[in-house]
Amino acid sequence: MGFTVESKLSEFLKNGKDWERKATSIPGVFILKMPPYRGAPTRLAVELNPADAEGRPTKKRGVLLRSSEELTEYNKILSDGRITNLLKSLDSVNPKPAKKEEKKPDIIEL
């Protein structure tokens, strides 16, 4: 007997730990259990956070979406072409990140 998405989310809301993050089948999309805050009850949010090859988030905290209305607002912002131009300008002005030296395994090469 399969569980619906709503029942799985309900179970996570009820039994998950505060700030626990669950992966979804969409790479870079996680469900985050948020504790009660300033009168707001415990709730779930969607976290957008780029994932690595193993599906783990690459940033400590991503963008949190608490409702479909927030997603609509973010979509409006992100679809504005000026954002792309602004980020390209930032890329050209900001210093390039230092390349991390890859650690080579400590082996004896024969």
PDB file of N, CA and C in Angstrom:
ATOM      1  N   MET A   1       0.846  -1.174   0.000  1.00  0.00           N
ATOM      2  CA  MET A   1       0.000   0.000   0.000  1.00  0.00           C
ATOM      3  C   MET A   1       0.890   1.235   0.000  1.00  0.00           C
ATOM      4  N   GLY A   2       0.744   2.089  -1.007  1.00  0.00           N
ATOM      5  CA  GLY A   2       1.602   3.260  -1.148  1.00  0.00           C
ATOM      6  C   GLY A   2       1.126   4.429  -0.300  1.00  0.00           C
ATOM      7  N   PHE A   3       2.055   5.253   0.042  1.00  0.00           N
ATOM      8  CA  PHE A   3       1.750   6.450   0.806  1.00  0.00           C
ATOM      9  C   PHE A   3       1.685   7.630  -0.151  1.00  0.00           C
ATOM     10  N   THR A   4       0.795   8.552   0.119  1.00  0.00           N
ATOM     11  CA  THR A   4       0.716   9.755  -0.700  1.00  0.00           C
ATOM     12  C   THR A   4       1.791  10.722  -0.248  1.00  0.00           C
ATOM     13  N   VAL A   5       2.099  11.678  -1.103  1.00  0.00           N
ATOM     14  CA  VAL A   5       3.080  12.707  -0.753  1.00  0.00           C
ATOM     15  C   VAL A   5       2.626  13.430   0.511  1.00  0.00           C
ATOM     16  N   GLU A   6       1.324  13.755   0.581  1.00  0.00           N
ATOM     17  CA  GLU A   6       0.802  14.472   1.740  1.00  0.00           C
ATOM     18  C   GLU A   6       0.962  13.669   3.024  1.00  0.00           C
ATOM     19  N   SER A   7       0.744  12.358   2.953  1.00  0.00           N
ATOM     20  CA  SER A   7       0.887  11.550   4.167  1.00  0.00           C
ATOM     21  C   SER A   7       2.345  11.465   4.602  1.00  0.00           C
ATOM     22  N   LYS A   8       3.266  11.377   3.645  1.00  0.00           N
ATOM     23  CA  LYS A   8       4.691  11.353   3.981  1.00  0.00           C
ATOM     24  C   LYS A   8       5.125  12.681   4.594  1.00  0.00           C
ATOM     25  N   LEU A   9       4.626  13.777   4.025  1.00  0.00           N
ATOM     26  CA  LEU A   9       4.958  15.098   4.566  1.00  0.00           C
ATOM     27  C   LEU A   9       4.368  15.275   5.959  1.00  0.00           C
ATOM     28  N   SER A  10       3.148  14.805   6.135  1.00  0.00           N
ATOM     29  CA  SER A  10       2.477  14.881   7.443  1.00  0.00           C
ATOM     30  C   SER A  10       3.272  14.115   8.495  1.00  0.00           C
ATOM     31  N   GLU A  11       3.727  12.945   8.132  1.00  0.00           N
ATOM     32  CA  GLU A  11       4.526  12.119   9.036  1.00  0.00           C
ATOM     33  C   GLU A  11       5.832  12.824   9.397  1.00  0.00           C
ATOM     34  N   PHE A  12       6.482  13.434   8.402  1.00  0.00           N
ATOM     35  CA  PHE A  12       7.726  14.158   8.644  1.00  0.00           C
ATOM     36  C   PHE A  12       7.486  15.377   9.544  1.00  0.00           C
ATOM     37  N   LEU A  13       6.400  16.081   9.317  1.00  0.00           N
ATOM     38  CA  LEU A  13       6.059  17.236  10.148  1.00  0.00           C
ATOM     39  C   LEU A  13       5.840  16.807  11.599  1.00  0.00           C
ATOM     40  N   LYS A  14       5.201  15.657  11.780  1.00  0.00           N
ATOM     41  CA  LYS A  14       4.883  15.170  13.118  1.00  0.00           C
ATOM     42  C   LYS A  14       6.110  14.585  13.824  1.00  0.00           C
ATOM     43  N   ASN A  15       6.921  13.803  13.115  1.00  0.00           N
ATOM     44  CA  ASN A  15       7.986  13.029  13.757  1.00  0.00           C
ATOM     45  C   ASN A  15       9.411  13.473  13.432  1.00  0.00           C
ATOM     46  N   GLY A  16       9.582  14.396  12.486  1.00  0.00           N
ATOM     47  CA  GLY A  16      10.928  14.841  12.138  1.00  0.00           C
ATOM     48  C   GLY A  16      11.519  15.721  13.231  1.00  0.00           C
ATOM     49  N   LYS A  17      12.829  15.846  13.235  1.00  0.00           N
ATOM     50  CA  LYS A  17      13.518  16.709  14.189  1.00  0.00           C
ATOM     51  C   LYS A  17      13.550  18.134  13.653  1.00  0.00           C
ATOM     52  N   ASP A  18      13.580  19.119  14.551  1.00  0.00           N
ATOM     53  CA  ASP A  18      13.701  20.507  14.127  1.00  0.00           C
ATOM     54  C   ASP A  18      14.941  20.672  13.261  1.00  0.00           C
ATOM     55  N   TRP A  19      14.794  21.379  12.164  1.00  0.00           N
ATOM     56  CA  TRP A  19      15.849  21.670  11.186  1.00  0.00           C
ATOM     57  C   TRP A  19      16.320  20.432  10.424  1.00  0.00           C
ATOM     58  N   GLU A  20      15.601  19.315  10.544  1.00  0.00           N
ATOM     59  CA  GLU A  20      15.961  18.134   9.766  1.00  0.00           C
ATOM     60  C   GLU A  20      15.662  18.389   8.296  1.00  0.00           C
ATOM     61  N   ARG A  21      16.538  17.894   7.444  1.00  0.00           N
ATOM     62  CA  ARG A  21      16.417  18.085   6.006  1.00  0.00           C
ATOM     63  C   ARG A  21      16.250  16.726   5.347  1.00  0.00           C
ATOM     64  N   LYS A  22      15.238  16.597   4.490  1.00  0.00           N
ATOM     65  CA  LYS A  22      15.003  15.355   3.741  1.00  0.00           C
ATOM     66  C   LYS A  22      15.155  15.640   2.255  1.00  0.00           C
ATOM     67  N   ALA A  23      15.860  14.768   1.590  1.00  0.00           N
ATOM     68  CA  ALA A  23      16.019  14.888   0.136  1.00  0.00           C
ATOM     69  C   ALA A  23      14.716  14.497  -0.552  1.00  0.00           C
ATOM     70  N   THR A  24      14.525  15.011  -1.747  1.00  0.00           N
ATOM     71  CA  THR A  24      13.394  14.613  -2.587  1.00  0.00           C
ATOM     72  C   THR A  24      13.962  13.957  -3.844  1.00  0.00           C
ATOM     73  N   SER A  25      13.088  13.499  -4.700  1.00  0.00           N
ATOM     74  CA  SER A  25      13.538  12.887  -5.952  1.00  0.00           C
ATOM     75  C   SER A  25      13.958  13.941  -6.980  1.00  0.00           C
ATOM     76  N   ILE A  26      13.818  15.224  -6.630  1.00  0.00           N
ATOM     77  CA  ILE A  26      14.256  16.310  -7.512  1.00  0.00           C
ATOM     78  C   ILE A  26      15.625  16.781  -7.016  1.00  0.00           C
ATOM     79  N   PRO A  27      16.685  16.635  -7.821  1.00  0.00           N
ATOM     80  CA  PRO A  27      18.009  17.071  -7.366  1.00  0.00           C
ATOM     81  C   PRO A  27      18.011  18.546  -6.968  1.00  0.00           C
ATOM     82  N   GLY A  28      18.573  18.831  -5.792  1.00  0.00           N
ATOM     83  CA  GLY A  28      18.667  20.205  -5.315  1.00  0.00           C
ATOM     84  C   GLY A  28      17.436  20.707  -4.583  1.00  0.00           C
ATOM     85  N   VAL A  29      16.421  19.848  -4.422  1.00  0.00           N
ATOM     86  CA  VAL A  29      15.191  20.236  -3.714  1.00  0.00           C
ATOM     87  C   VAL A  29      15.056  19.355  -2.478  1.00  0.00           C
ATOM     88  N   PHE A  30      14.953  20.009  -1.327  1.00  0.00           N
ATOM     89  CA  PHE A  30      14.876  19.324  -0.047  1.00  0.00           C
ATOM     90  C   PHE A  30      13.660  19.823   0.722  1.00  0.00           C
ATOM     91  N   ILE A  31      13.200  19.018   1.686  1.00  0.00           N
ATOM     92  CA  ILE A  31      12.144  19.430   2.605  1.00  0.00           C
ATOM     93  C   ILE A  31      12.821  19.681   3.946  1.00  0.00           C
ATOM     94  N   LEU A  32      12.519  20.818   4.551  1.00  0.00           N
ATOM     95  CA  LEU A  32      13.138  21.221   5.804  1.00  0.00           C
ATOM     96  C   LEU A  32      12.059  21.403   6.858  1.00  0.00           C
ATOM     97  N   LYS A  33      12.250  20.794   8.039  1.00  0.00           N
ATOM     98  CA  LYS A  33      11.302  20.975   9.140  1.00  0.00           C
ATOM     99  C   LYS A  33      11.762  22.168   9.973  1.00  0.00           C
ATOM    100  N   MET A  34      10.929  23.187   9.994  1.00  0.00           N
ATOM    101  CA  MET A  34      11.247  24.414  10.717  1.00  0.00           C
ATOM    102  C   MET A  34      10.539  24.408  12.067  1.00  0.00           C
ATOM    103  N   PRO A  35      11.253  24.754  13.139  1.00  0.00           N
ATOM    104  CA  PRO A  35      10.633  24.776  14.469  1.00  0.00           C
ATOM    105  C   PRO A  35       9.688  25.966  14.615  1.00  0.00           C
ATOM    106  N   PRO A  36       8.854  25.972  15.666  1.00  0.00           N
ATOM    107  CA  PRO A  36       7.985  27.119  15.881  1.00  0.00           C
ATOM    108  C   PRO A  36       8.825  28.376  16.104  1.00  0.00           C
ATOM    109  N   TYR A  37       8.314  29.519  15.641  1.00  0.00           N
ATOM    110  CA  TYR A  37       9.063  30.768  15.766  1.00  0.00           C
ATOM    111  C   TYR A  37       8.098  31.944  15.851  1.00  0.00           C
ATOM    112  N   ARG A  38       8.226  32.720  16.914  1.00  0.00           N
ATOM    113  CA  ARG A  38       7.407  33.933  17.111  1.00  0.00           C
ATOM    114  C   ARG A  38       5.934  33.701  16.830  1.00  0.00           C
ATOM    115  N   GLY A  39       5.399  32.695  17.407  1.00  0.00           N
ATOM    116  CA  GLY A  39       3.966  32.432  17.262  1.00  0.00           C
ATOM    117  C   GLY A  39       3.595  31.589  16.059  1.00  0.00           C
ATOM    118  N   ALA A  40       4.515  31.411  15.106  1.00  0.00           N
ATOM    119  CA  ALA A  40       4.236  30.548  13.953  1.00  0.00           C
ATOM    120  C   ALA A  40       4.453  29.097  14.388  1.00  0.00           C
ATOM    121  N   PRO A  41       3.577  28.204  13.984  1.00  0.00           N
ATOM    122  CA  PRO A  41       3.722  26.800  14.383  1.00  0.00           C
ATOM    123  C   PRO A  41       4.868  26.118  13.636  1.00  0.00           C
ATOM    124  N   THR A  42       5.214  24.925  14.090  1.00  0.00           N
ATOM    125  CA  THR A  42       6.173  24.089  13.365  1.00  0.00           C
ATOM    126  C   THR A  42       5.621  23.879  11.962  1.00  0.00           C
ATOM    127  N   ARG A  43       6.499  23.978  10.971  1.00  0.00           N
ATOM    128  CA  ARG A  43       6.027  23.796   9.592  1.00  0.00           C
ATOM    129  C   ARG A  43       7.148  23.294   8.717  1.00  0.00           C
ATOM    130  N   LEU A  44       6.764  22.873   7.527  1.00  0.00           N
ATOM    131  CA  LEU A  44       7.725  22.395   6.535  1.00  0.00           C
ATOM    132  C   LEU A  44       7.933  23.480   5.485  1.00  0.00           C
ATOM    133  N   ALA A  45       9.130  23.500   4.925  1.00  0.00           N
ATOM    134  CA  ALA A  45       9.440  24.411   3.837  1.00  0.00           C
ATOM    135  C   ALA A  45      10.239  23.647   2.788  1.00  0.00           C
ATOM    136  N   VAL A  46      10.241  24.162   1.580  1.00  0.00           N
ATOM    137  CA  VAL A  46      11.066  23.617   0.513  1.00  0.00           C
ATOM    138  C   VAL A  46      12.370  24.402   0.530  1.00  0.00           C
ATOM    139  N   GLU A  47      13.469  23.681   0.475  1.00  0.00           N
ATOM    140  CA  GLU A  47      14.779  24.327   0.394  1.00  0.00           C
ATOM    141  C   GLU A  47      15.377  24.024  -0.971  1.00  0.00           C
ATOM    142  N   LEU A  48      15.765  25.072  -1.678  1.00  0.00           N
ATOM    143  CA  LEU A  48      16.464  24.922  -2.953  1.00  0.00           C
ATOM    144  C   LEU A  48      17.941  25.094  -2.658  1.00  0.00           C
ATOM    145  N   ASN A  49      18.713  24.056  -2.918  1.00  0.00           N
ATOM    146  CA  ASN A  49      20.124  24.056  -2.570  1.00  0.00           C
ATOM    147  C   ASN A  49      20.836  23.120  -3.545  1.00  0.00           C
ATOM    148  N   PRO A  50      21.733  23.647  -4.384  1.00  0.00           N
ATOM    149  CA  PRO A  50      22.406  22.777  -5.349  1.00  0.00           C
ATOM    150  C   PRO A  50      22.978  21.535  -4.657  1.00  0.00           C
ATOM    151  N   ALA A  51      22.852  20.407  -5.330  1.00  0.00           N
ATOM    152  CA  ALA A  51      23.301  19.137  -4.750  1.00  0.00           C
ATOM    153  C   ALA A  51      24.570  18.653  -5.444  1.00  0.00           C
ATOM    154  N   ASP A  52      25.381  17.903  -4.690  1.00  0.00           N
ATOM    155  CA  ASP A  52      26.584  17.310  -5.268  1.00  0.00           C
ATOM    156  C   ASP A  52      26.217  15.992  -5.947  1.00  0.00           C
ATOM    157  N   ALA A  53      27.214  15.273  -6.413  1.00  0.00           N
ATOM    158  CA  ALA A  53      26.988  14.021  -7.150  1.00  0.00           C
ATOM    159  C   ALA A  53      26.259  12.971  -6.315  1.00  0.00           C
ATOM    160  N   GLU A  54      26.421  13.023  -4.983  1.00  0.00           N
ATOM    161  CA  GLU A  54      25.748  12.062  -4.104  1.00  0.00           C
ATOM    162  C   GLU A  54      24.371  12.550  -3.658  1.00  0.00           C
ATOM    163  N   GLY A  55      23.951  13.748  -4.115  1.00  0.00           N
ATOM    164  CA  GLY A  55      22.640  14.268  -3.752  1.00  0.00           C
ATOM    165  C   GLY A  55      22.623  15.087  -2.471  1.00  0.00           C
ATOM    166  N   ARG A  56      23.812  15.346  -1.889  1.00  0.00           N
ATOM    167  CA  ARG A  56      23.890  16.142  -0.661  1.00  0.00           C
ATOM    168  C   ARG A  56      23.913  17.623  -1.015  1.00  0.00           C
ATOM    169  N   PRO A  57      23.312  18.470  -0.166  1.00  0.00           N
ATOM    170  CA  PRO A  57      23.342  19.914  -0.437  1.00  0.00           C
ATOM    171  C   PRO A  57      24.777  20.445  -0.410  1.00  0.00           C
ATOM    172  N   THR A  58      25.062  21.414  -1.277  1.00  0.00           N
ATOM    173  CA  THR A  58      26.420  21.958  -1.352  1.00  0.00           C
ATOM    174  C   THR A  58      26.595  23.210  -0.505  1.00  0.00           C
ATOM    175  N   LYS A  59      25.517  23.823  -0.085  1.00  0.00           N
ATOM    176  CA  LYS A  59      25.577  25.024   0.745  1.00  0.00           C
ATOM    177  C   LYS A  59      25.017  24.691   2.120  1.00  0.00           C
ATOM    178  N   LYS A  60      25.444  25.457   3.125  1.00  0.00           N
ATOM    179  CA  LYS A  60      24.934  25.226   4.479  1.00  0.00           C
ATOM    180  C   LYS A  60      23.416  25.440   4.511  1.00  0.00           C
ATOM    181  N   ARG A  61      22.955  26.486   3.869  1.00  0.00           N
ATOM    182  CA  ARG A  61      21.522  26.761   3.814  1.00  0.00           C
ATOM    183  C   ARG A  61      21.189  27.291   2.429  1.00  0.00           C
ATOM    184  N   GLY A  62      20.120  26.817   1.855  1.00  0.00           N
ATOM    185  CA  GLY A  62      19.698  27.257   0.530  1.00  0.00           C
ATOM    186  C   GLY A  62      18.587  28.289   0.640  1.00  0.00           C
ATOM    187  N   VAL A  63      17.859  28.453  -0.440  1.00  0.00           N
ATOM    188  CA  VAL A  63      16.719  29.368  -0.481  1.00  0.00           C
ATOM    189  C   VAL A  63      15.501  28.618   0.041  1.00  0.00           C
ATOM    190  N   LEU A  64      14.826  29.209   1.040  1.00  0.00           N
ATOM    191  CA  LEU A  64      13.642  28.566   1.621  1.00  0.00           C
ATOM    192  C   LEU A  64      12.383  29.123   0.996  1.00  0.00           C
ATOM    193  N   LEU A  65      11.498  28.226   0.614  1.00  0.00           N
ATOM    194  CA  LEU A  65      10.186  28.588   0.078  1.00  0.00           C
ATOM    195  C   LEU A  65       9.136  28.016   1.010  1.00  0.00           C
ATOM    196  N   ARG A  66       8.319  28.887   1.573  1.00  0.00           N
ATOM    197  CA  ARG A  66       7.317  28.458   2.551  1.00  0.00           C
ATOM    198  C   ARG A  66       5.919  28.285   1.962  1.00  0.00           C
ATOM    199  N   SER A  67       5.735  28.743   0.711  1.00  0.00           N
ATOM    200  CA  SER A  67       4.408  28.621   0.098  1.00  0.00           C
ATOM    201  C   SER A  67       4.532  28.703  -1.418  1.00  0.00           C
ATOM    202  N   SER A  68       3.465  28.323  -2.104  1.00  0.00           N
ATOM    203  CA  SER A  68       3.460  28.416  -3.566  1.00  0.00           C
ATOM    204  C   SER A  68       3.469  29.883  -4.003  1.00  0.00           C
ATOM    205  N   GLU A  69       2.930  30.773  -3.174  1.00  0.00           N
ATOM    206  CA  GLU A  69       2.952  32.207  -3.503  1.00  0.00           C
ATOM    207  C   GLU A  69       4.391  32.731  -3.513  1.00  0.00           C
ATOM    208  N   GLU A  70       5.209  32.268  -2.564  1.00  0.00           N
ATOM    209  CA  GLU A  70       6.617  32.674  -2.551  1.00  0.00           C
ATOM    210  C   GLU A  70       7.323  32.200  -3.816  1.00  0.00           C
ATOM    211  N   LEU A  71       7.025  30.986  -4.250  1.00  0.00           N
ATOM    212  CA  LEU A  71       7.628  30.473  -5.473  1.00  0.00           C
ATOM    213  C   LEU A  71       7.254  31.359  -6.659  1.00  0.00           C
ATOM    214  N   THR A  72       6.007  31.769  -6.732  1.00  0.00           N
ATOM    215  CA  THR A  72       5.555  32.654  -7.808  1.00  0.00           C
ATOM    216  C   THR A  72       6.345  33.956  -7.797  1.00  0.00           C
ATOM    217  N   GLU A  73       6.553  34.517  -6.625  1.00  0.00           N
ATOM    218  CA  GLU A  73       7.311  35.774  -6.513  1.00  0.00           C
ATOM    219  C   GLU A  73       8.765  35.570  -6.925  1.00  0.00           C
ATOM    220  N   TYR A  74       9.382  34.477  -6.502  1.00  0.00           N
ATOM    221  CA  TYR A  74      10.762  34.194  -6.909  1.00  0.00           C
ATOM    222  C   TYR A  74      10.847  33.979  -8.421  1.00  0.00           C
ATOM    223  N   ASN A  75       9.859  33.302  -8.988  1.00  0.00           N
ATOM    224  CA  ASN A  75       9.850  33.098 -10.440  1.00  0.00           C
ATOM    225  C   ASN A  75       9.828  34.427 -11.180  1.00  0.00           C
ATOM    226  N   LYS A  76       9.037  35.375 -10.695  1.00  0.00           N
ATOM    227  CA  LYS A  76       8.987  36.704 -11.322  1.00  0.00           C
ATOM    228  C   LYS A  76      10.353  37.366 -11.272  1.00  0.00           C
ATOM    229  N   ILE A  77      10.997  37.291 -10.115  1.00  0.00           N
ATOM    230  CA  ILE A  77      12.313  37.920  -9.954  1.00  0.00           C
ATOM    231  C   ILE A  77      13.339  37.248 -10.867  1.00  0.00           C
ATOM    232  N   LEU A  78      13.378  35.918 -10.843  1.00  0.00           N
ATOM    233  CA  LEU A  78      14.396  35.189 -11.599  1.00  0.00           C
ATOM    234  C   LEU A  78      14.184  35.254 -13.110  1.00  0.00           C
ATOM    235  N   SER A  79      12.963  35.513 -13.552  1.00  0.00           N
ATOM    236  CA  SER A  79      12.717  35.595 -14.994  1.00  0.00           C
ATOM    237  C   SER A  79      13.068  36.970 -15.562  1.00  0.00           C
ATOM    238  N   ASP A  80      13.393  37.926 -14.708  1.00  0.00           N
ATOM    239  CA  ASP A  80      13.810  39.250 -15.166  1.00  0.00           C
ATOM    240  C   ASP A  80      15.230  39.135 -15.720  1.00  0.00           C
ATOM    241  N   GLY A  81      15.405  39.381 -16.998  1.00  0.00           N
ATOM    242  CA  GLY A  81      16.704  39.241 -17.660  1.00  0.00           C
ATOM    243  C   GLY A  81      17.793  40.111 -17.056  1.00  0.00           C
ATOM    244  N   ARG A  82      17.408  41.151 -16.359  1.00  0.00           N
ATOM    245  CA  ARG A  82      18.415  42.038 -15.767  1.00  0.00           C
ATOM    246  C   ARG A  82      19.209  41.330 -14.679  1.00  0.00           C
ATOM    247  N   ILE A  83      18.621  40.300 -14.062  1.00  0.00           N
ATOM    248  CA  ILE A  83      19.340  39.531 -13.040  1.00  0.00           C
ATOM    249  C   ILE A  83      20.554  38.847 -13.672  1.00  0.00           C
ATOM    250  N   THR A  84      20.372  38.245 -14.842  1.00  0.00           N
ATOM    251  CA  THR A  84      21.479  37.588 -15.540  1.00  0.00           C
ATOM    252  C   THR A  84      22.572  38.599 -15.860  1.00  0.00           C
ATOM    253  N   ASN A  85      22.179  39.769 -16.364  1.00  0.00           N
ATOM    254  CA  ASN A  85      23.166  40.805 -16.680  1.00  0.00           C
ATOM    255  C   ASN A  85      23.901  41.261 -15.426  1.00  0.00           C
ATOM    256  N   LEU A  86      23.174  41.425 -14.334  1.00  0.00           N
ATOM    257  CA  LEU A  86      23.799  41.838 -13.079  1.00  0.00           C
ATOM    258  C   LEU A  86      24.815  40.809 -12.611  1.00  0.00           C
ATOM    259  N   LEU A  87      24.450  39.524 -12.675  1.00  0.00           N
ATOM    260  CA  LEU A  87      25.365  38.474 -12.237  1.00  0.00           C
ATOM    261  C   LEU A  87      26.586  38.375 -13.139  1.00  0.00           C
ATOM    262  N   LYS A  88      26.427  38.591 -14.444  1.00  0.00           N
ATOM    263  CA  LYS A  88      27.583  38.597 -15.352  1.00  0.00           C
ATOM    264  C   LYS A  88      28.512  39.751 -15.003  1.00  0.00           C
ATOM    265  N   SER A  89      27.937  40.899 -14.643  1.00  0.00           N
ATOM    266  CA  SER A  89      28.753  42.041 -14.227  1.00  0.00           C
ATOM    267  C   SER A  89      29.496  41.723 -12.944  1.00  0.00           C
ATOM    268  N   LEU A  90      28.816  41.059 -12.006  1.00  0.00           N
ATOM    269  CA  LEU A  90      29.483  40.662 -10.767  1.00  0.00           C
ATOM    270  C   LEU A  90      30.620  39.688 -11.061  1.00  0.00           C
ATOM    271  N   ASP A  91      30.389  38.750 -11.971  1.00  0.00           N
ATOM    272  CA  ASP A  91      31.432  37.786 -12.344  1.00  0.00           C
ATOM    273  C   ASP A  91      32.675  38.503 -12.862  1.00  0.00           C
ATOM    274  N   SER A  92      32.474  39.558 -13.636  1.00  0.00           N
ATOM    275  CA  SER A  92      33.626  40.254 -14.214  1.00  0.00           C
ATOM    276  C   SER A  92      34.339  41.136 -13.192  1.00  0.00           C
ATOM    277  N   VAL A  93      33.646  41.585 -12.150  1.00  0.00           N
ATOM    278  CA  VAL A  93      34.231  42.484 -11.150  1.00  0.00           C
ATOM    279  C   VAL A  93      34.837  41.719  -9.974  1.00  0.00           C
ATOM    280  N   ASN A  94      34.186  40.667  -9.535  1.00  0.00           N
ATOM    281  CA  ASN A  94      34.655  39.914  -8.367  1.00  0.00           C
ATOM    282  C   ASN A  94      35.939  39.167  -8.676  1.00  0.00           C
ATOM    283  N   PRO A  95      36.800  39.036  -7.654  1.00  0.00           N
ATOM    284  CA  PRO A  95      38.003  38.216  -7.869  1.00  0.00           C
ATOM    285  C   PRO A  95      37.610  36.760  -8.071  1.00  0.00           C
ATOM    286  N   LYS A  96      38.385  36.083  -8.871  1.00  0.00           N
ATOM    287  CA  LYS A  96      38.117  34.661  -9.125  1.00  0.00           C
ATOM    288  C   LYS A  96      38.462  33.865  -7.878  1.00  0.00           C
ATOM    289  N   PRO A  97      37.663  32.842  -7.558  1.00  0.00           N
ATOM    290  CA  PRO A  97      37.971  32.032  -6.373  1.00  0.00           C
ATOM    291  C   PRO A  97      39.294  31.303  -6.551  1.00  0.00           C
ATOM    292  N   ALA A  98      40.023  31.187  -5.449  1.00  0.00           N
ATOM    293  CA  ALA A  98      41.289  30.466  -5.490  1.00  0.00           C
ATOM    294  C   ALA A  98      40.998  28.999  -5.758  1.00  0.00           C
ATOM    295  N   LYS A  99      41.743  28.433  -6.665  1.00  0.00           N
ATOM    296  CA  LYS A  99      41.542  27.016  -6.970  1.00  0.00           C
ATOM    297  C   LYS A  99      42.164  26.189  -5.866  1.00  0.00           C
ATOM    298  N   LYS A 100      41.379  25.255  -5.370  1.00  0.00           N
ATOM    299  CA  LYS A 100      41.869  24.364  -4.328  1.00  0.00           C
ATOM    300  C   LYS A 100      42.761  23.312  -4.964  1.00  0.00           C
ATOM    301  N   GLU A 101      43.881  23.107  -4.329  1.00  0.00           N
ATOM    302  CA  GLU A 101      44.793  22.089  -4.824  1.00  0.00           C
ATOM    303  C   GLU A 101      44.236  20.729  -4.454  1.00  0.00           C
ATOM    304  N   GLU A 102      44.099  19.880  -5.453  1.00  0.00           N
ATOM    305  CA  GLU A 102      43.579  18.543  -5.188  1.00  0.00           C
ATOM    306  C   GLU A 102      44.615  17.740  -4.428  1.00  0.00           C
ATOM    307  N   LYS A 103      44.160  17.115  -3.357  1.00  0.00           N
ATOM    308  CA  LYS A 103      45.068  16.258  -2.582  1.00  0.00           C
ATOM    309  C   LYS A 103      45.291  14.972  -3.366  1.00  0.00           C
ATOM    310  N   LYS A 104      46.547  14.652  -3.517  1.00  0.00           N
ATOM    311  CA  LYS A 104      46.864  13.391  -4.179  1.00  0.00           C
ATOM    312  C   LYS A 104      46.984  12.330  -3.110  1.00  0.00           C
ATOM    313  N   PRO A 105      46.516  11.129  -3.393  1.00  0.00           N
ATOM    314  CA  PRO A 105      46.604  10.069  -2.393  1.00  0.00           C
ATOM    315  C   PRO A 105      48.066   9.795  -2.038  1.00  0.00           C
ATOM    316  N   ASP A 106      48.284   9.449  -0.791  1.00  0.00           N
ATOM    317  CA  ASP A 106      49.633   9.148  -0.307  1.00  0.00           C
ATOM    318  C   ASP A 106      49.966   7.716  -0.684  1.00  0.00           C
ATOM    319  N   ILE A 107      50.434   7.566  -1.917  1.00  0.00           N
ATOM    320  CA  ILE A 107      50.786   6.223  -2.402  1.00  0.00           C
ATOM    321  C   ILE A 107      52.198   6.257  -2.961  1.00  0.00           C
ATOM    322  N   ILE A 108      52.782   5.114  -3.035  1.00  0.00           N
ATOM    323  CA  ILE A 108      54.094   4.989  -3.660  1.00  0.00           C
ATOM    324  C   ILE A 108      53.844   4.564  -5.094  1.00  0.00           C
ATOM    325  N   GLU A 109      54.199   5.454  -5.994  1.00  0.00           N
ATOM    326  CA  GLU A 109      53.976   5.158  -7.403  1.00  0.00           C
ATOM    327  C   GLU A 109      55.161   4.379  -7.934  1.00  0.00           C
ATOM    328  N   LEU A 110      54.926   3.259  -8.588  1.00  0.00           N
ATOM    329  CA  LEU A 110      55.991   2.396  -9.129  1.00  0.00           C
ATOM    330  C   LEU A 110      56.041   2.471 -10.632  1.00  0.00           C
TER     331      LEU A 110
END
